[in-house]
Every structure is written in C-alpha cells, then in structure tokens.
C-alpha cells in the first residue's frame, strides 16, 4: 500500500455502518495536511477525483475483507468540490451488472452532494 492509500485509510472518521440492506456508509475527514491536497490546487485545495475513487476502493476493500481494485468506471459525476476539513460521507450499494458486480456510490461533503459513481471493482490478485 502506498503513502496516499495509507493516508486515505487513516482518514476514516467512523465505523462502517449498514444504513439499509445492501447499502454501506462511512464518514471520512481529510484534514488540511492530507497529502492528496498537495498541489491540487495551491491556495484553493480540493480533493482530487482519483482520491475520491481511492476512498471508495479502500472502503469497499475493508468491508469485503479482501483487497479490491478499480476495473472500470461506468459513470462519474462530480457535483461540488470537497475542501479540507469537511466531513465526507461515502455510501455505496453493490448491484449486479452484466457478469460483474458494480458499486453504486454517492459522496456528500458537508451535507451537500459532491460526487456519484458507478464503479466496477474486482479482487486485487496482485496483493495475494
């Protein structure tokens, strides 16, 4: 696991919760010193899209009990920026796709919609 992935996992601010059957949620707090803000953008930091995706993969991997990796992004919508120190809530539910499992994900920041993804995650066999 690289430094950024460790920092994402360390930013979890609460336990994993099942909010309804099949839907998992977890809070995160990306502090001003979080390495993902470095250079994105000086004087106006926002959480990069790749870090948002990494957060979902980290969360889903922990919940699954096995390392997962991103195999594809079916849809991605970025609705508002995520700033340092904002409470971030990541929710996903697994849905059956055509021959695979998709993760329907919603991210809110400070109570407002920030992003929505439909992701294809698969076991990361490289870490076995």
C-alpha atoms as a PDB file:
ATOM      1  CA  UNK A   1       0.000   0.000   0.000  1.00  0.00           C
ATOM      2  CA  UNK A   2       1.450   3.373  -0.964  1.00  0.00           C
ATOM      3  CA  UNK A   3       1.567   6.512   1.194  1.00  0.00           C
ATOM      4  CA  UNK A   4      -1.543   8.073  -0.342  1.00  0.00           C
ATOM      5  CA  UNK A   5      -3.571   4.865   0.070  1.00  0.00           C
ATOM      6  CA  UNK A   6      -2.479   4.686   3.729  1.00  0.00           C
ATOM      7  CA  UNK A   7      -3.482   8.330   4.227  1.00  0.00           C
ATOM      8  CA  UNK A   8      -6.919   7.648   2.698  1.00  0.00           C
ATOM      9  CA  UNK A   9      -7.487   4.692   5.041  1.00  0.00           C
ATOM     10  CA  UNK A  10      -6.299   6.760   8.016  1.00  0.00           C
ATOM     11  CA  UNK A  11      -8.832   9.492   7.141  1.00  0.00           C
ATOM     12  CA  UNK A  12     -11.765   7.227   8.023  1.00  0.00           C
ATOM     13  CA  UNK A  13     -13.626   9.077  10.764  1.00  0.00           C
ATOM     14  CA  UNK A  14     -16.044   6.413  11.906  1.00  0.00           C
ATOM     15  CA  UNK A  15     -17.069   2.825  11.751  1.00  0.00           C
ATOM     16  CA  UNK A  16     -18.662   1.220   8.726  1.00  0.00           C
ATOM     17  CA  UNK A  17     -22.431   1.325   9.022  1.00  0.00           C
ATOM     18  CA  UNK A  18     -25.107  -0.603   7.186  1.00  0.00           C
ATOM     19  CA  UNK A  19     -27.724   2.083   6.561  1.00  0.00           C
ATOM     20  CA  UNK A  20     -30.175  -0.254   4.857  1.00  0.00           C
ATOM     21  CA  UNK A  21     -29.870  -3.783   3.491  1.00  0.00           C
ATOM     22  CA  UNK A  22     -27.118  -3.748   0.863  1.00  0.00           C
ATOM     23  CA  UNK A  23     -26.028  -0.138   1.496  1.00  0.00           C
ATOM     24  CA  UNK A  24     -22.862   0.626   3.450  1.00  0.00           C
ATOM     25  CA  UNK A  25     -21.689   4.042   4.669  1.00  0.00           C
ATOM     26  CA  UNK A  26     -18.630   5.546   6.295  1.00  0.00           C
ATOM     27  CA  UNK A  27     -17.521   9.026   7.285  1.00  0.00           C
ATOM     28  CA  UNK A  28     -14.116  10.466   6.344  1.00  0.00           C
ATOM     29  CA  UNK A  29     -12.284  13.620   7.296  1.00  0.00           C
ATOM     30  CA  UNK A  30      -9.485  14.793   5.012  1.00  0.00           C
ATOM     31  CA  UNK A  31      -7.502  17.243   7.156  1.00  0.00           C
ATOM     32  CA  UNK A  32      -5.764  20.281   5.631  1.00  0.00           C
ATOM     33  CA  UNK A  33      -2.417  18.414   5.756  1.00  0.00           C
ATOM     34  CA  UNK A  34      -3.777  15.376   3.852  1.00  0.00           C
ATOM     35  CA  UNK A  35      -1.222  14.587   1.089  1.00  0.00           C
ATOM     36  CA  UNK A  36      -3.914  14.378  -1.616  1.00  0.00           C
ATOM     37  CA  UNK A  37      -4.411  18.150  -1.404  1.00  0.00           C
ATOM     38  CA  UNK A  38      -0.749  18.799  -2.194  1.00  0.00           C
ATOM     39  CA  UNK A  39      -0.615  20.728  -5.466  1.00  0.00           C
ATOM     40  CA  UNK A  40      -4.369  20.433  -6.085  1.00  0.00           C
ATOM     41  CA  UNK A  41      -4.642  23.465  -6.063  1.00  0.00           C
ATOM     42  CA  UNK A  42      -2.295  25.841  -4.185  1.00  0.00           C
ATOM     43  CA  UNK A  43      -4.350  28.422  -2.325  1.00  0.00           C
ATOM     44  CA  UNK A  44      -7.622  26.657  -3.218  1.00  0.00           C
ATOM     45  CA  UNK A  45      -7.261  22.981  -2.241  1.00  0.00           C
ATOM     46  CA  UNK A  46      -9.865  20.457  -3.375  1.00  0.00           C
ATOM     47  CA  UNK A  47      -9.874  16.671  -3.095  1.00  0.00           C
ATOM     48  CA  UNK A  48      -8.785  15.183  -6.443  1.00  0.00           C
ATOM     49  CA  UNK A  49     -11.139  12.828  -8.288  1.00  0.00           C
ATOM     50  CA  UNK A  50      -8.609   9.995  -8.092  1.00  0.00           C
ATOM     51  CA  UNK A  51      -8.560  10.296  -4.291  1.00  0.00           C
ATOM     52  CA  UNK A  52     -12.358  10.123  -4.207  1.00  0.00           C
ATOM     53  CA  UNK A  53     -12.178   6.905  -6.234  1.00  0.00           C
ATOM     54  CA  UNK A  54      -9.388   5.561  -3.992  1.00  0.00           C
ATOM     55  CA  UNK A  55     -11.584   6.245  -0.970  1.00  0.00           C
ATOM     56  CA  UNK A  56     -14.395   4.093  -2.357  1.00  0.00           C
ATOM     57  CA  UNK A  57     -11.963   1.270  -3.216  1.00  0.00           C
ATOM     58  CA  UNK A  58     -10.386   1.447   0.261  1.00  0.00           C
ATOM     59  CA  UNK A  59     -13.786   1.403   1.974  1.00  0.00           C
ATOM     60  CA  UNK A  60     -15.176  -1.444  -0.156  1.00  0.00           C
ATOM     61  CA  UNK A  61     -11.956  -3.463   0.320  1.00  0.00           C
ATOM     62  CA  UNK A  62     -12.153  -3.126   4.074  1.00  0.00           C
ATOM     63  CA  UNK A  63     -15.812  -4.123   4.083  1.00  0.00           C
ATOM     64  CA  UNK A  64     -15.181  -7.092   1.770  1.00  0.00           C
ATOM     65  CA  UNK A  65     -12.186  -8.260   3.804  1.00  0.00           C
ATOM     66  CA  UNK A  66     -10.066  -8.578   0.661  1.00  0.00           C
ATOM     67  CA  UNK A  67      -8.108  -6.079  -1.427  1.00  0.00           C
ATOM     68  CA  UNK A  68     -10.114  -4.764  -4.355  1.00  0.00           C
ATOM     69  CA  UNK A  69      -9.024  -2.711  -7.333  1.00  0.00           C
ATOM     70  CA  UNK A  70     -10.803  -0.453  -9.752  1.00  0.00           C
ATOM     71  CA  UNK A  71     -11.506  -2.282 -13.017  1.00  0.00           C
ATOM     72  CA  UNK A  72     -13.714   0.352 -14.606  1.00  0.00           C
ATOM     73  CA  UNK A  73     -15.812   3.467 -14.179  1.00  0.00           C
ATOM     74  CA  UNK A  74     -19.242   3.152 -15.796  1.00  0.00           C
ATOM     75  CA  UNK A  75     -20.319   6.660 -14.751  1.00  0.00           C
ATOM     76  CA  UNK A  76     -18.808   9.506 -12.771  1.00  0.00           C
ATOM     77  CA  UNK A  77     -20.407  12.818 -11.837  1.00  0.00           C
ATOM     78  CA  UNK A  78     -18.583  15.477  -9.864  1.00  0.00           C
ATOM     79  CA  UNK A  79     -21.127  17.826  -8.363  1.00  0.00           C
ATOM     80  CA  UNK A  80     -19.190  20.033  -5.950  1.00  0.00           C
ATOM     81  CA  UNK A  81     -15.623  20.266  -4.646  1.00  0.00           C
ATOM     82  CA  UNK A  82     -14.531  18.650  -1.404  1.00  0.00           C
ATOM     83  CA  UNK A  83     -12.482  21.014   0.744  1.00  0.00           C
ATOM     84  CA  UNK A  84     -10.041  20.254   3.582  1.00  0.00           C
ATOM     85  CA  UNK A  85     -11.714  19.605   6.918  1.00  0.00           C
ATOM     86  CA  UNK A  86     -15.197  18.911   5.533  1.00  0.00           C
ATOM     87  CA  UNK A  87     -16.991  15.827   6.781  1.00  0.00           C
ATOM     88  CA  UNK A  88     -17.299  13.420   3.866  1.00  0.00           C
ATOM     89  CA  UNK A  89     -19.846  10.610   3.785  1.00  0.00           C
ATOM     90  CA  UNK A  90     -19.291   7.758   1.334  1.00  0.00           C
ATOM     91  CA  UNK A  91     -22.216   5.415   0.663  1.00  0.00           C
ATOM     92  CA  UNK A  92     -22.345   2.506  -1.731  1.00  0.00           C
ATOM     93  CA  UNK A  93     -24.527  -0.404  -2.600  1.00  0.00           C
ATOM     94  CA  UNK A  94     -23.481  -3.376  -4.651  1.00  0.00           C
ATOM     95  CA  UNK A  95     -25.628  -4.118  -7.661  1.00  0.00           C
ATOM     96  CA  UNK A  96     -25.466  -6.941 -10.170  1.00  0.00           C
ATOM     97  CA  UNK A  97     -24.249  -5.889 -13.574  1.00  0.00           C
ATOM     98  CA  UNK A  98     -23.781  -7.866 -16.725  1.00  0.00           C
ATOM     99  CA  UNK A  99     -21.439 -10.570 -15.468  1.00  0.00           C
ATOM    100  CA  UNK A 100     -19.952  -8.447 -12.680  1.00  0.00           C
ATOM    101  CA  UNK A 101     -20.675  -6.516  -9.519  1.00  0.00           C
ATOM    102  CA  UNK A 102     -20.984  -2.755  -9.680  1.00  0.00           C
ATOM    103  CA  UNK A 103     -20.747  -0.314  -6.796  1.00  0.00           C
ATOM    104  CA  UNK A 104     -23.323   2.478  -6.971  1.00  0.00           C
ATOM    105  CA  UNK A 105     -21.653   5.212  -4.922  1.00  0.00           C
ATOM    106  CA  UNK A 106     -22.681   8.613  -3.586  1.00  0.00           C
ATOM    107  CA  UNK A 107     -20.352  11.027  -1.816  1.00  0.00           C
ATOM    108  CA  UNK A 108     -21.521  14.010   0.182  1.00  0.00           C
ATOM    109  CA  UNK A 109     -19.306  16.709   1.679  1.00  0.00           C
ATOM    110  CA  UNK A 110     -20.534  18.984   4.459  1.00  0.00           C
ATOM    111  CA  UNK A 111     -24.039  17.666   3.762  1.00  0.00           C
ATOM    112  CA  UNK A 112     -24.120  18.538   0.050  1.00  0.00           C
ATOM    113  CA  UNK A 113     -23.840  16.115  -2.900  1.00  0.00           C
ATOM    114  CA  UNK A 114     -20.219  16.015  -4.072  1.00  0.00           C
ATOM    115  CA  UNK A 115     -19.909  13.031  -6.433  1.00  0.00           C
ATOM    116  CA  UNK A 116     -21.671   9.938  -7.753  1.00  0.00           C
ATOM    117  CA  UNK A 117     -20.022   6.912  -9.337  1.00  0.00           C
ATOM    118  CA  UNK A 118     -20.918   3.545 -10.781  1.00  0.00           C
ATOM    119  CA  UNK A 119     -17.725   1.513 -10.351  1.00  0.00           C
ATOM    120  CA  UNK A 120     -16.599  -1.965 -11.296  1.00  0.00           C
ATOM    121  CA  UNK A 121     -14.358  -3.310  -8.527  1.00  0.00           C
ATOM    122  CA  UNK A 122     -12.630  -6.697  -8.660  1.00  0.00           C
ATOM    123  CA  UNK A 123     -10.339  -8.653  -6.316  1.00  0.00           C
ATOM    124  CA  UNK A 124      -6.761  -7.396  -6.484  1.00  0.00           C
ATOM    125  CA  UNK A 125      -4.874 -10.643  -7.039  1.00  0.00           C
ATOM    126  CA  UNK A 126      -1.548  -8.759  -7.119  1.00  0.00           C
ATOM    127  CA  UNK A 127      -1.728  -8.369  -3.316  1.00  0.00           C
ATOM    128  CA  UNK A 128      -2.179 -12.098  -2.571  1.00  0.00           C
END
